[in-house]
Amino acid sequence: MPRKAATPSLADTEAAPGGVAAADKALSLLNAFRAGDSTLSLSELAERTQLYKSTALRLLASLEHAQLLQRRADGRYALGPGLARLHGLYAASFSLEAEVMPVLQALVARTRESAALHVRQGEQRLCLYRVDSPQPLRDHLRAGDLLPLERGAGGRLLLAYGGARGKLYERIRAEGLAELDGDRVEGLAGLAAPVFRAGGELVGALTLSLPSSRLKPGLGETLRKAASQLSRRLGAEQN
């Protein structure tokens, strides 16, 4: 059995209620970096976190694998590019909110269906912003929920614009719209249109979700126009 530390680590004394001890310890290594630190040695990290070096080394390997830390040639550790990616997503979410929310609110007011913006996160999609339908019968997604890419209009659209092959994805790219019924949940329909920023970079999928019984002609065109409006707000050039 591993020996118990004589002095509790910072992760032990500041553990998250109901959290996971290993995650607390790994995060304590990231939090050991202070203003002015470009690199830290294993000894410095162990001292600041009050972890055994052997424990710190195993956790550092996981953080390095996730690109949250990187080990330099001299053996010292620096913050990794994964943190820059997460910071970029975090910062972008705030700059997007002021542009996205008015479009979602207007879309819901016009269609009376739930509208959202989904963005890709690895092999999943994140519901970044959402405005609920005022109607009692609706799906119950929330901003912050993660969903599969391979099911639902929003995920299919993100795959299509990520280069996925197949007739479905070719049609989505050709039409600039994904319209699917029962693809993620039986009895639930979804529509999605692409949103771009300056330079033609895909931001995400603007979506409408609704019970299949309320799917009607014209919703797709309404959604496409809203996605085009949002793209213009984000600096995309429109043909």
Protein backbone atom coordinates (compact mmCIF):
# COMPACT_ATOMS: atom_id res chain seq x y z
CA MET A 1 0.00 0.00 0.00
CA PRO A 2 1.25 3.54 -0.70
CA ARG A 3 2.47 5.27 2.39
CA LYS A 4 0.42 8.11 3.76
CA ALA A 5 1.99 11.54 3.62
CA ALA A 6 3.00 12.96 6.99
CA THR A 7 1.87 16.39 5.80
CA PRO A 8 -1.38 16.62 3.82
CA SER A 9 -0.99 17.97 0.30
CA LEU A 10 -2.70 21.17 -0.77
CA ALA A 11 -5.14 19.02 -2.74
CA ASP A 12 -6.07 17.21 0.49
CA THR A 13 -6.58 20.38 2.51
CA GLU A 14 -8.44 22.20 -0.29
CA ALA A 15 -10.31 19.27 -1.81
CA ALA A 16 -13.46 19.91 -3.81
CA PRO A 17 -16.55 18.64 -1.94
CA GLY A 18 -17.67 15.48 -3.71
CA GLY A 19 -14.73 15.72 -6.10
CA VAL A 20 -12.06 13.26 -7.23
CA ALA A 21 -8.80 13.26 -5.28
CA ALA A 22 -6.60 12.54 -8.31
CA ALA A 23 -8.17 15.43 -10.22
CA ASP A 24 -7.67 17.76 -7.26
CA LYS A 25 -3.98 16.78 -7.12
CA ALA A 26 -3.47 17.25 -10.86
CA LEU A 27 -5.13 20.66 -10.76
CA SER A 28 -2.96 21.65 -7.81
CA LEU A 29 0.08 21.14 -10.05
CA LEU A 30 -1.36 23.57 -12.61
CA ASN A 31 -2.21 26.04 -9.88
CA ALA A 32 1.37 25.86 -8.59
CA PHE A 33 2.42 28.19 -11.41
CA ARG A 34 2.53 31.83 -10.31
CA ALA A 35 3.05 35.14 -12.06
CA GLY A 36 6.60 35.25 -13.40
CA ASP A 37 7.07 31.47 -13.55
CA SER A 38 8.10 30.35 -17.01
CA THR A 39 9.15 26.86 -15.91
CA LEU A 40 9.19 24.85 -12.67
CA SER A 41 11.22 21.80 -11.76
CA LEU A 42 9.75 18.59 -10.38
CA SER A 43 11.18 19.49 -6.96
CA GLU A 44 9.57 22.93 -7.06
CA LEU A 45 6.21 21.51 -8.09
CA ALA A 46 6.33 18.86 -5.38
CA GLU A 47 7.29 21.44 -2.78
CA ARG A 48 4.56 23.89 -3.73
CA THR A 49 1.84 21.23 -3.82
CA GLN A 50 3.22 19.11 -0.94
CA LEU A 51 2.94 16.02 -3.12
CA TYR A 52 5.45 13.18 -3.20
CA LYS A 53 7.69 13.49 -6.25
CA SER A 54 6.60 10.03 -7.41
CA THR A 55 2.94 11.06 -7.24
CA ALA A 56 3.61 14.39 -8.92
CA LEU A 57 5.53 12.67 -11.71
CA ARG A 58 2.60 10.39 -12.57
CA LEU A 59 0.17 13.29 -12.59
CA LEU A 60 2.54 15.40 -14.67
CA ALA A 61 2.62 12.63 -17.29
CA SER A 62 -1.17 12.86 -17.60
CA LEU A 63 -1.13 16.66 -17.78
CA GLU A 64 1.59 16.50 -20.42
CA HIS A 65 -0.42 13.99 -22.45
CA ALA A 66 -3.39 16.42 -22.37
CA GLN A 67 -1.03 19.25 -23.46
CA LEU A 68 -1.86 21.21 -20.33
CA LEU A 69 1.82 21.09 -19.38
CA GLN A 70 4.94 20.43 -21.44
CA ARG A 71 8.28 19.05 -20.34
CA ARG A 72 11.24 20.99 -21.67
CA ALA A 73 14.57 19.48 -22.76
CA ASP A 74 16.14 20.42 -19.42
CA GLY A 75 13.46 18.45 -17.55
CA ARG A 76 11.59 21.49 -16.26
CA TYR A 77 7.86 21.94 -16.82
CA ALA A 78 6.03 24.80 -18.54
CA LEU A 79 2.37 25.50 -19.19
CA GLY A 80 1.24 23.75 -22.37
CA PRO A 81 -0.61 24.72 -25.55
CA GLY A 82 -3.78 23.01 -24.37
CA LEU A 83 -4.28 25.83 -21.89
CA ALA A 84 -4.00 28.39 -24.68
CA ARG A 85 -6.67 26.52 -26.64
CA LEU A 86 -9.01 26.48 -23.64
CA HIS A 87 -8.33 30.16 -22.98
CA GLY A 88 -9.17 30.94 -26.59
CA LEU A 89 -12.51 29.12 -26.28
CA TYR A 90 -13.22 30.86 -22.99
CA ALA A 91 -12.42 34.32 -24.35
CA ALA A 92 -14.32 33.67 -27.58
CA SER A 93 -17.44 32.66 -25.68
CA PHE A 94 -17.64 36.10 -24.07
CA SER A 95 -17.05 37.97 -27.31
CA LEU A 96 -19.65 35.82 -29.05
CA GLU A 97 -22.39 36.25 -26.48
CA ALA A 98 -23.26 39.85 -27.36
CA GLU A 99 -23.65 38.88 -31.02
CA VAL A 100 -25.29 35.47 -30.64
CA MET A 101 -27.96 36.07 -28.03
CA PRO A 102 -29.95 38.76 -29.91
CA VAL A 103 -30.09 36.47 -32.96
CA LEU A 104 -31.26 33.51 -30.86
CA GLN A 105 -33.89 35.62 -29.13
CA ALA A 106 -35.21 36.95 -32.44
CA LEU A 107 -35.27 33.44 -33.91
CA VAL A 108 -37.29 32.10 -30.98
CA ALA A 109 -39.67 35.06 -31.14
CA ARG A 110 -40.31 34.36 -34.81
CA THR A 111 -40.53 30.55 -34.75
CA ARG A 112 -41.59 29.86 -31.12
CA GLU A 113 -39.09 26.98 -31.15
CA SER A 114 -35.88 26.49 -29.15
CA ALA A 115 -32.75 27.97 -30.72
CA ALA A 116 -29.10 27.34 -29.85
CA LEU A 117 -25.53 27.68 -31.03
CA HIS A 118 -23.47 24.49 -30.96
CA VAL A 119 -19.69 24.37 -31.34
CA ARG A 120 -17.41 21.40 -31.84
CA GLN A 121 -15.26 20.17 -28.97
CA GLY A 122 -13.15 17.25 -30.13
CA GLU A 123 -15.49 14.37 -30.89
CA GLN A 124 -18.48 16.02 -29.22
CA ARG A 125 -20.46 19.21 -29.57
CA LEU A 126 -21.14 21.79 -26.90
CA CYS A 127 -24.39 23.71 -26.60
CA LEU A 128 -22.76 27.08 -26.06
CA TYR A 129 -25.84 29.32 -26.01
CA ARG A 130 -29.53 28.51 -25.97
CA VAL A 131 -32.92 30.22 -25.75
CA ASP A 132 -35.89 27.98 -24.91
CA SER A 133 -39.15 27.81 -26.77
CA PRO A 134 -42.02 29.46 -24.86
CA GLN A 135 -44.11 26.37 -25.56
CA PRO A 136 -44.38 23.76 -22.79
CA LEU A 137 -43.65 20.83 -25.13
CA ARG A 138 -39.95 21.14 -26.06
CA ASP A 139 -36.62 19.40 -25.62
CA HIS A 140 -34.75 20.18 -22.43
CA LEU A 141 -31.16 20.83 -23.42
CA ARG A 142 -29.23 23.49 -21.54
CA ALA A 143 -26.28 25.69 -22.37
CA GLY A 144 -23.20 23.72 -21.34
CA ASP A 145 -24.57 20.30 -22.32
CA LEU A 146 -22.33 18.03 -24.41
CA LEU A 147 -23.90 15.98 -27.20
CA PRO A 148 -22.63 13.46 -29.76
CA LEU A 149 -21.51 14.66 -33.17
CA GLU A 150 -22.92 11.69 -35.04
CA ARG A 151 -26.56 12.24 -34.01
CA GLY A 152 -28.77 15.28 -34.42
CA ALA A 153 -28.84 18.12 -36.92
CA GLY A 154 -26.27 20.27 -35.11
CA GLY A 155 -23.74 17.47 -34.88
CA ARG A 156 -24.28 16.33 -38.44
CA LEU A 157 -23.75 19.87 -39.71
CA LEU A 158 -20.50 20.25 -37.76
CA LEU A 159 -19.29 16.95 -39.21
CA ALA A 160 -20.31 18.01 -42.72
CA TYR A 161 -18.33 21.24 -42.52
CA GLY A 162 -15.47 19.32 -40.95
CA GLY A 163 -15.12 17.33 -44.18
CA ALA A 164 -17.17 14.21 -43.39
CA ARG A 165 -17.92 12.06 -46.42
CA GLY A 166 -21.19 10.53 -47.53
CA LYS A 167 -24.41 11.53 -49.27
CA LEU A 168 -25.93 13.03 -46.13
CA TYR A 169 -22.96 15.32 -45.52
CA GLU A 170 -22.66 16.25 -49.19
CA ARG A 171 -26.33 17.28 -49.18
CA ILE A 172 -25.88 19.34 -46.01
CA ARG A 173 -22.94 21.21 -47.55
CA ALA A 174 -24.81 21.75 -50.82
CA GLU A 175 -27.95 23.08 -49.10
CA GLY A 176 -26.25 24.87 -46.23
CA LEU A 177 -28.78 23.21 -43.97
CA ALA A 178 -29.29 20.01 -41.98
CA GLU A 179 -32.92 19.06 -41.37
CA LEU A 180 -33.45 15.75 -39.58
CA ASP A 181 -36.36 14.11 -37.82
CA GLY A 182 -35.76 11.58 -35.04
CA ASP A 183 -32.01 11.41 -35.66
CA ARG A 184 -31.05 12.02 -32.02
CA VAL A 185 -34.31 11.41 -30.14
CA GLU A 186 -37.47 9.77 -31.49
CA GLY A 187 -40.18 12.37 -31.91
CA LEU A 188 -37.73 15.28 -31.94
CA ALA A 189 -36.79 17.20 -35.08
CA GLY A 190 -33.79 19.43 -35.55
CA LEU A 191 -32.50 21.94 -38.07
CA ALA A 192 -29.02 23.43 -38.27
CA ALA A 193 -27.25 26.02 -40.43
CA PRO A 194 -23.58 27.02 -40.44
CA VAL A 195 -22.28 30.22 -38.85
CA PHE A 196 -18.99 31.71 -40.05
CA ARG A 197 -16.68 34.47 -38.90
CA ALA A 198 -14.22 36.64 -40.85
CA GLY A 199 -12.03 34.62 -43.16
CA GLY A 200 -14.68 31.97 -43.70
CA GLU A 201 -13.85 30.11 -40.46
CA LEU A 202 -16.71 27.97 -39.18
CA VAL A 203 -17.91 29.14 -35.77
CA GLY A 204 -20.60 26.55 -35.17
CA ALA A 205 -24.09 25.37 -35.93
CA LEU A 206 -27.14 27.55 -35.36
CA THR A 207 -29.98 25.18 -34.52
CA LEU A 208 -33.70 24.90 -34.01
CA SER A 209 -35.13 21.94 -32.08
CA LEU A 210 -38.80 21.06 -31.85
CA PRO A 211 -41.26 18.17 -31.59
CA SER A 212 -41.61 16.35 -34.91
CA SER A 213 -45.30 17.27 -35.01
CA ARG A 214 -44.37 20.96 -35.32
CA LEU A 215 -41.86 20.56 -38.16
CA LYS A 216 -43.20 22.61 -41.06
CA PRO A 217 -42.01 24.12 -44.36
CA GLY A 218 -40.25 27.46 -44.10
CA LEU A 219 -38.36 26.84 -40.87
CA GLY A 220 -35.21 25.89 -42.76
CA GLU A 221 -35.17 29.12 -44.73
CA THR A 222 -35.85 31.15 -41.59
CA LEU A 223 -32.92 29.44 -39.89
CA ARG A 224 -30.62 29.96 -42.87
CA LYS A 225 -31.39 33.68 -42.89
CA ALA A 226 -30.68 33.92 -39.15
CA ALA A 227 -27.38 32.09 -39.58
CA SER A 228 -26.43 34.43 -42.40
CA GLN A 229 -27.32 37.44 -40.24
CA LEU A 230 -25.19 36.12 -37.37
CA SER A 231 -22.30 35.42 -39.74
CA ARG A 232 -22.42 39.02 -40.93
CA ARG A 233 -22.40 40.21 -37.32
CA LEU A 234 -19.22 38.16 -36.82
CA GLY A 235 -17.51 39.68 -39.84
CA ALA A 236 -18.06 36.99 -42.47
CA GLU A 237 -18.40 38.10 -46.07
CA GLN A 238 -21.67 37.04 -47.63
CA ASN A 239 -22.21 36.30 -51.31
